[in-house]
Structures are given as C-alpha cells and as structure tokens.
Amino acid sequence: MAIDAETLVSEIHSLPDEEKLRLLDALLTDLDKPDPEIDRIWANEARKRWAAYQAGRLSTVSYEDLMAKYNR
C-alpha cells in the first residue's frame, strides 16, 4: 500500500510527541549512511589542521573566549 507524503505528514501531526521522536530517530538513522569519500576528506582535513597546529601556523581560541563570544 503506497501512501503519499501529504497523507503521511497529516498522520504524523496526530501522533504523540514520543512517537514523533521515534519516527524522527528512524528517519535520521535511515538517512545517515556512511560515505567513505567524505570520511577520507575529513580525515585529511583533520591531519592538515593538526599539523598546522603543531607547527604553530594555526591560531587557537580558548574555551573560555569561545564561550564568552556566544554568551553575550
């Protein structure tokens, strides 16, 4: 039985919040597929940033300064 998205959305609105969260979790789990290419790109980026930090080419910000920026 196929159900169109509009009908599905309407039915979701009538669910209790706990059931909506279970549905959301299931959808996010289904959509979160590992992508080896993205993982490779991020691993390379992390290595570059670590090397730049170790070589003193990367400035850092303390946790306190960072939090102060967002707590203003």
PDB file of N, CA and C in Angstrom:
ATOM      1  N   MET A   1       0.844  -1.175   0.000  1.00  0.00           N
ATOM      2  CA  MET A   1       0.000   0.000   0.000  1.00  0.00           C
ATOM      3  C   MET A   1       0.893   1.243   0.000  1.00  0.00           C
ATOM      4  N   ALA A   2       0.798   2.037  -1.051  1.00  0.00           N
ATOM      5  CA  ALA A   2       1.561   3.273  -1.132  1.00  0.00           C
ATOM      6  C   ALA A   2       0.776   4.397  -0.460  1.00  0.00           C
ATOM      7  N   ILE A   3       1.495   5.222   0.264  1.00  0.00           N
ATOM      8  CA  ILE A   3       0.870   6.362   0.935  1.00  0.00           C
ATOM      9  C   ILE A   3       1.635   7.606   0.506  1.00  0.00           C
ATOM     10  N   ASP A   4       0.899   8.655   0.129  1.00  0.00           N
ATOM     11  CA  ASP A   4       1.591   9.856  -0.333  1.00  0.00           C
ATOM     12  C   ASP A   4       2.108  10.653   0.863  1.00  0.00           C
ATOM     13  N   ALA A   5       3.079  11.502   0.593  1.00  0.00           N
ATOM     14  CA  ALA A   5       3.755  12.257   1.654  1.00  0.00           C
ATOM     15  C   ALA A   5       2.791  13.168   2.407  1.00  0.00           C
ATOM     16  N   GLU A   6       1.849  13.778   1.711  1.00  0.00           N
ATOM     17  CA  GLU A   6       0.911  14.690   2.363  1.00  0.00           C
ATOM     18  C   GLU A   6       0.056  13.946   3.401  1.00  0.00           C
ATOM     19  N   THR A   7      -0.405  12.765   3.040  1.00  0.00           N
ATOM     20  CA  THR A   7      -1.189  11.951   3.975  1.00  0.00           C
ATOM     21  C   THR A   7      -0.331  11.534   5.155  1.00  0.00           C
ATOM     22  N   LEU A   8       0.881  11.145   4.868  1.00  0.00           N
ATOM     23  CA  LEU A   8       1.803  10.723   5.920  1.00  0.00           C
ATOM     24  C   LEU A   8       2.081  11.864   6.893  1.00  0.00           C
ATOM     25  N   VAL A   9       2.336  13.048   6.371  1.00  0.00           N
ATOM     26  CA  VAL A   9       2.588  14.215   7.221  1.00  0.00           C
ATOM     27  C   VAL A   9       1.375  14.499   8.094  1.00  0.00           C
ATOM     28  N   SER A  10       0.206  14.408   7.523  1.00  0.00           N
ATOM     29  CA  SER A  10      -1.027  14.634   8.285  1.00  0.00           C
ATOM     30  C   SER A  10      -1.142  13.630   9.431  1.00  0.00           C
ATOM     31  N   GLU A  11      -0.838  12.383   9.160  1.00  0.00           N
ATOM     32  CA  GLU A  11      -0.900  11.355  10.200  1.00  0.00           C
ATOM     33  C   GLU A  11       0.169  11.581  11.271  1.00  0.00           C
ATOM     34  N   ILE A  12       1.338  12.036  10.861  1.00  0.00           N
ATOM     35  CA  ILE A  12       2.419  12.304  11.816  1.00  0.00           C
ATOM     36  C   ILE A  12       2.011  13.403  12.786  1.00  0.00           C
ATOM     37  N   HIS A  13       1.328  14.417  12.299  1.00  0.00           N
ATOM     38  CA  HIS A  13       0.879  15.513  13.166  1.00  0.00           C
ATOM     39  C   HIS A  13      -0.023  15.016  14.287  1.00  0.00           C
ATOM     40  N   SER A  14      -0.724  13.936  14.064  1.00  0.00           N
ATOM     41  CA  SER A  14      -1.651  13.441  15.080  1.00  0.00           C
ATOM     42  C   SER A  14      -0.969  12.519  16.101  1.00  0.00           C
ATOM     43  N   LEU A  15       0.286  12.184  15.876  1.00  0.00           N
ATOM     44  CA  LEU A  15       0.995  11.293  16.800  1.00  0.00           C
ATOM     45  C   LEU A  15       1.397  12.022  18.074  1.00  0.00           C
ATOM     46  N   PRO A  16       1.504  11.277  19.177  1.00  0.00           N
ATOM     47  CA  PRO A  16       2.067  11.874  20.400  1.00  0.00           C
ATOM     48  C   PRO A  16       3.549  12.214  20.161  1.00  0.00           C
ATOM     49  N   ASP A  17       4.057  13.168  20.928  1.00  0.00           N
ATOM     50  CA  ASP A  17       5.448  13.611  20.742  1.00  0.00           C
ATOM     51  C   ASP A  17       6.445  12.459  20.824  1.00  0.00           C
ATOM     52  N   GLU A  18       6.234  11.540  21.729  1.00  0.00           N
ATOM     53  CA  GLU A  18       7.169  10.412  21.869  1.00  0.00           C
ATOM     54  C   GLU A  18       7.226   9.576  20.589  1.00  0.00           C
ATOM     55  N   GLU A  19       6.086   9.362  19.960  1.00  0.00           N
ATOM     56  CA  GLU A  19       6.061   8.605  18.713  1.00  0.00           C
ATOM     57  C   GLU A  19       6.710   9.398  17.576  1.00  0.00           C
ATOM     58  N   LYS A  20       6.515  10.717  17.580  1.00  0.00           N
ATOM     59  CA  LYS A  20       7.180  11.557  16.576  1.00  0.00           C
ATOM     60  C   LYS A  20       8.695  11.451  16.712  1.00  0.00           C
ATOM     61  N   LEU A  21       9.180  11.440  17.944  1.00  0.00           N
ATOM     62  CA  LEU A  21      10.623  11.315  18.172  1.00  0.00           C
ATOM     63  C   LEU A  21      11.136   9.963  17.703  1.00  0.00           C
ATOM     64  N   ARG A  22      10.374   8.908  17.947  1.00  0.00           N
ATOM     65  CA  ARG A  22      10.784   7.573  17.473  1.00  0.00           C
ATOM     66  C   ARG A  22      10.851   7.550  15.954  1.00  0.00           C
ATOM     67  N   LEU A  23       9.872   8.179  15.316  1.00  0.00           N
ATOM     68  CA  LEU A  23       9.857   8.254  13.860  1.00  0.00           C
ATOM     69  C   LEU A  23      11.038   9.069  13.340  1.00  0.00           C
ATOM     70  N   LEU A  24      11.291  10.202  13.969  1.00  0.00           N
ATOM     71  CA  LEU A  24      12.416  11.044  13.581  1.00  0.00           C
ATOM     72  C   LEU A  24      13.736  10.289  13.706  1.00  0.00           C
ATOM     73  N   ASP A  25      13.904   9.577  14.809  1.00  0.00           N
ATOM     74  CA  ASP A  25      15.118   8.795  15.009  1.00  0.00           C
ATOM     75  C   ASP A  25      15.278   7.751  13.905  1.00  0.00           C
ATOM     76  N   ALA A  26      14.190   7.100  13.560  1.00  0.00           N
ATOM     77  CA  ALA A  26      14.246   6.091  12.499  1.00  0.00           C
ATOM     78  C   ALA A  26      14.613   6.714  11.161  1.00  0.00           C
ATOM     79  N   LEU A  27      14.040   7.877  10.861  1.00  0.00           N
ATOM     80  CA  LEU A  27      14.349   8.550   9.601  1.00  0.00           C
ATOM     81  C   LEU A  27      15.808   8.999   9.538  1.00  0.00           C
ATOM     82  N   LEU A  28      16.279   9.600  10.626  1.00  0.00           N
ATOM     83  CA  LEU A  28      17.670  10.066  10.652  1.00  0.00           C
ATOM     84  C   LEU A  28      18.644   8.906  10.552  1.00  0.00           C
ATOM     85  N   THR A  29      18.331   7.810  11.217  1.00  0.00           N
ATOM     86  CA  THR A  29      19.184   6.615  11.144  1.00  0.00           C
ATOM     87  C   THR A  29      19.221   6.094   9.715  1.00  0.00           C
ATOM     88  N   ASP A  30      18.072   6.094   9.050  1.00  0.00           N
ATOM     89  CA  ASP A  30      17.997   5.615   7.679  1.00  0.00           C
ATOM     90  C   ASP A  30      18.779   6.510   6.719  1.00  0.00           C
ATOM     91  N   LEU A  31      18.754   7.813   6.965  1.00  0.00           N
ATOM     92  CA  LEU A  31      19.422   8.759   6.076  1.00  0.00           C
ATOM     93  C   LEU A  31      20.915   8.887   6.329  1.00  0.00           C
ATOM     94  N   ASP A  32      21.367   8.516   7.513  1.00  0.00           N
ATOM     95  CA  ASP A  32      22.766   8.699   7.894  1.00  0.00           C
ATOM     96  C   ASP A  32      23.608   7.516   7.445  1.00  0.00           C
ATOM     97  N   LYS A  33      23.846   7.468   6.153  1.00  0.00           N
ATOM     98  CA  LYS A  33      24.657   6.385   5.589  1.00  0.00           C
ATOM     99  C   LYS A  33      26.123   6.820   5.554  1.00  0.00           C
ATOM    100  N   PRO A  34      27.023   5.954   5.972  1.00  0.00           N
ATOM    101  CA  PRO A  34      28.449   6.300   5.901  1.00  0.00           C
ATOM    102  C   PRO A  34      28.863   6.560   4.448  1.00  0.00           C
ATOM    103  N   ASP A  35      29.713   7.539   4.275  1.00  0.00           N
ATOM    104  CA  ASP A  35      30.236   7.857   2.953  1.00  0.00           C
ATOM    105  C   ASP A  35      31.756   7.855   3.054  1.00  0.00           C
ATOM    106  N   PRO A  36      32.396   6.799   2.561  1.00  0.00           N
ATOM    107  CA  PRO A  36      33.855   6.688   2.679  1.00  0.00           C
ATOM    108  C   PRO A  36      34.603   7.877   2.098  1.00  0.00           C
ATOM    109  N   GLU A  37      34.081   8.477   1.041  1.00  0.00           N
ATOM    110  CA  GLU A  37      34.757   9.626   0.431  1.00  0.00           C
ATOM    111  C   GLU A  37      34.740  10.828   1.378  1.00  0.00           C
ATOM    112  N   ILE A  38      33.602  11.086   2.004  1.00  0.00           N
ATOM    113  CA  ILE A  38      33.512  12.184   2.969  1.00  0.00           C
ATOM    114  C   ILE A  38      34.396  11.894   4.174  1.00  0.00           C
ATOM    115  N   ASP A  39      34.391  10.658   4.647  1.00  0.00           N
ATOM    116  CA  ASP A  39      35.258  10.285   5.769  1.00  0.00           C
ATOM    117  C   ASP A  39      36.728  10.519   5.428  1.00  0.00           C
ATOM    118  N   ARG A  40      37.127  10.171   4.204  1.00  0.00           N
ATOM    119  CA  ARG A  40      38.512  10.363   3.765  1.00  0.00           C
ATOM    120  C   ARG A  40      38.869  11.849   3.720  1.00  0.00           C
ATOM    121  N   ILE A  41      37.958  12.660   3.187  1.00  0.00           N
ATOM    122  CA  ILE A  41      38.198  14.101   3.096  1.00  0.00           C
ATOM    123  C   ILE A  41      38.353  14.707   4.482  1.00  0.00           C
ATOM    124  N   TRP A  42      37.461  14.338   5.423  1.00  0.00           N
ATOM    125  CA  TRP A  42      37.550  14.879   6.778  1.00  0.00           C
ATOM    126  C   TRP A  42      38.815  14.406   7.493  1.00  0.00           C
ATOM    127  N   ALA A  43      39.213  13.163   7.273  1.00  0.00           N
ATOM    128  CA  ALA A  43      40.438  12.659   7.896  1.00  0.00           C
ATOM    129  C   ALA A  43      41.647  13.446   7.398  1.00  0.00           C
ATOM    130  N   ASN A  44      41.692  13.724   6.091  1.00  0.00           N
ATOM    131  CA  ASN A  44      42.788  14.529   5.532  1.00  0.00           C
ATOM    132  C   ASN A  44      42.784  15.933   6.115  1.00  0.00           C
ATOM    133  N   GLU A  45      41.601  16.527   6.220  1.00  0.00           N
ATOM    134  CA  GLU A  45      41.488  17.873   6.786  1.00  0.00           C
ATOM    135  C   GLU A  45      41.954  17.896   8.240  1.00  0.00           C
ATOM    136  N   ALA A  46      41.571  16.886   8.999  1.00  0.00           N
ATOM    137  CA  ALA A  46      41.984  16.815  10.407  1.00  0.00           C
ATOM    138  C   ALA A  46      43.497  16.702  10.518  1.00  0.00           C
ATOM    139  N   ARG A  47      44.108  15.891   9.648  1.00  0.00           N
ATOM    140  CA  ARG A  47      45.571  15.762   9.663  1.00  0.00           C
ATOM    141  C   ARG A  47      46.241  17.096   9.332  1.00  0.00           C
ATOM    142  N   LYS A  48      45.714  17.813   8.335  1.00  0.00           N
ATOM    143  CA  LYS A  48      46.273  19.113   7.960  1.00  0.00           C
ATOM    144  C   LYS A  48      46.167  20.112   9.117  1.00  0.00           C
ATOM    145  N   ARG A  49      45.006  20.136   9.758  1.00  0.00           N
ATOM    146  CA  ARG A  49      44.815  21.074  10.867  1.00  0.00           C
ATOM    147  C   ARG A  49      45.721  20.731  12.039  1.00  0.00           C
ATOM    148  N   TRP A  50      45.888  19.455  12.338  1.00  0.00           N
ATOM    149  CA  TRP A  50      46.755  19.035  13.435  1.00  0.00           C
ATOM    150  C   TRP A  50      48.202  19.412  13.130  1.00  0.00           C
ATOM    151  N   ALA A  51      48.628  19.179  11.903  1.00  0.00           N
ATOM    152  CA  ALA A  51      49.996  19.532  11.507  1.00  0.00           C
ATOM    153  C   ALA A  51      50.200  21.045  11.598  1.00  0.00           C
ATOM    154  N   ALA A  52      49.223  21.819  11.158  1.00  0.00           N
ATOM    155  CA  ALA A  52      49.330  23.284  11.229  1.00  0.00           C
ATOM    156  C   ALA A  52      49.387  23.737  12.681  1.00  0.00           C
ATOM    157  N   TYR A  53      48.611  23.124  13.532  1.00  0.00           N
ATOM    158  CA  TYR A  53      48.626  23.466  14.966  1.00  0.00           C
ATOM    159  C   TYR A  53      49.994  23.148  15.568  1.00  0.00           C
ATOM    160  N   GLN A  54      50.498  21.960  15.279  1.00  0.00           N
ATOM    161  CA  GLN A  54      51.794  21.550  15.827  1.00  0.00           C
ATOM    162  C   GLN A  54      52.926  22.446  15.334  1.00  0.00           C
ATOM    163  N   ALA A  55      52.804  22.948  14.101  1.00  0.00           N
ATOM    164  CA  ALA A  55      53.848  23.793  13.526  1.00  0.00           C
ATOM    165  C   ALA A  55      53.679  25.264  13.932  1.00  0.00           C
ATOM    166  N   GLY A  56      52.629  25.564  14.673  1.00  0.00           N
ATOM    167  CA  GLY A  56      52.405  26.935  15.110  1.00  0.00           C
ATOM    168  C   GLY A  56      51.798  27.835  14.048  1.00  0.00           C
ATOM    169  N   ARG A  57      51.255  27.262  12.982  1.00  0.00           N
ATOM    170  CA  ARG A  57      50.659  28.041  11.896  1.00  0.00           C
ATOM    171  C   ARG A  57      49.156  28.243  12.073  1.00  0.00           C
ATOM    172  N   LEU A  58      48.628  27.707  13.147  1.00  0.00           N
ATOM    173  CA  LEU A  58      47.190  27.784  13.377  1.00  0.00           C
ATOM    174  C   LEU A  58      46.944  28.449  14.717  1.00  0.00           C
ATOM    175  N   SER A  59      46.201  29.542  14.684  1.00  0.00           N
ATOM    176  CA  SER A  59      45.903  30.200  15.953  1.00  0.00           C
ATOM    177  C   SER A  59      44.752  29.452  16.634  1.00  0.00           C
ATOM    178  N   THR A  60      44.749  29.524  17.937  1.00  0.00           N
ATOM    179  CA  THR A  60      43.711  28.840  18.696  1.00  0.00           C
ATOM    180  C   THR A  60      42.956  29.840  19.548  1.00  0.00           C
ATOM    181  N   VAL A  61      41.812  29.408  20.026  1.00  0.00           N
ATOM    182  CA  VAL A  61      40.965  30.215  20.894  1.00  0.00           C
ATOM    183  C   VAL A  61      40.656  29.372  22.117  1.00  0.00           C
ATOM    184  N   SER A  62      40.781  29.973  23.283  1.00  0.00           N
ATOM    185  CA  SER A  62      40.490  29.211  24.498  1.00  0.00           C
ATOM    186  C   SER A  62      38.997  28.936  24.588  1.00  0.00           C
ATOM    187  N   TYR A  63      38.665  27.909  25.325  1.00  0.00           N
ATOM    188  CA  TYR A  63      37.263  27.557  25.549  1.00  0.00           C
ATOM    189  C   TYR A  63      36.523  28.731  26.178  1.00  0.00           C
ATOM    190  N   GLU A  64      37.147  29.371  27.139  1.00  0.00           N
ATOM    191  CA  GLU A  64      36.521  30.495  27.835  1.00  0.00           C
ATOM    192  C   GLU A  64      36.201  31.631  26.867  1.00  0.00           C
ATOM    193  N   ASP A  65      37.162  31.962  25.974  1.00  0.00           N
ATOM    194  CA  ASP A  65      36.932  33.024  24.998  1.00  0.00           C
ATOM    195  C   ASP A  65      35.810  32.646  24.022  1.00  0.00           C
ATOM    196  N   LEU A  66      35.819  31.419  23.608  1.00  0.00           N
ATOM    197  CA  LEU A  66      34.780  30.945  22.690  1.00  0.00           C
ATOM    198  C   LEU A  66      33.406  31.032  23.336  1.00  0.00           C
ATOM    199  N   MET A  67      33.294  30.565  24.565  1.00  0.00           N
ATOM    200  CA  MET A  67      32.005  30.592  25.252  1.00  0.00           C
ATOM    201  C   MET A  67      31.567  32.026  25.523  1.00  0.00           C
ATOM    202  N   ALA A  68      32.506  32.910  25.835  1.00  0.00           N
ATOM    203  CA  ALA A  68      32.172  34.309  26.095  1.00  0.00           C
ATOM    204  C   ALA A  68      31.559  34.940  24.839  1.00  0.00           C
ATOM    205  N   LYS A  69      32.065  34.565  23.688  1.00  0.00           N
ATOM    206  CA  LYS A  69      31.543  35.095  22.425  1.00  0.00           C
ATOM    207  C   LYS A  69      30.074  34.741  22.256  1.00  0.00           C
ATOM    208  N   TYR A  70      29.693  33.533  22.636  1.00  0.00           N
ATOM    209  CA  TYR A  70      28.314  33.073  22.417  1.00  0.00           C
ATOM    210  C   TYR A  70      27.404  33.333  23.607  1.00  0.00           C
ATOM    211  N   ASN A  71      27.951  33.750  24.723  1.00  0.00           N
ATOM    212  CA  ASN A  71      27.128  34.051  25.896  1.00  0.00           C
ATOM    213  C   ASN A  71      26.808  35.526  26.021  1.00  0.00           C
ATOM    214  N   ARG A  72      27.244  36.328  25.055  1.00  0.00           N
ATOM    215  CA  ARG A  72      26.979  37.778  25.094  1.00  0.00           C
ATOM    216  C   ARG A  72      25.532  38.064  24.857  1.00  0.00           C
TER     217      ARG A  72
END
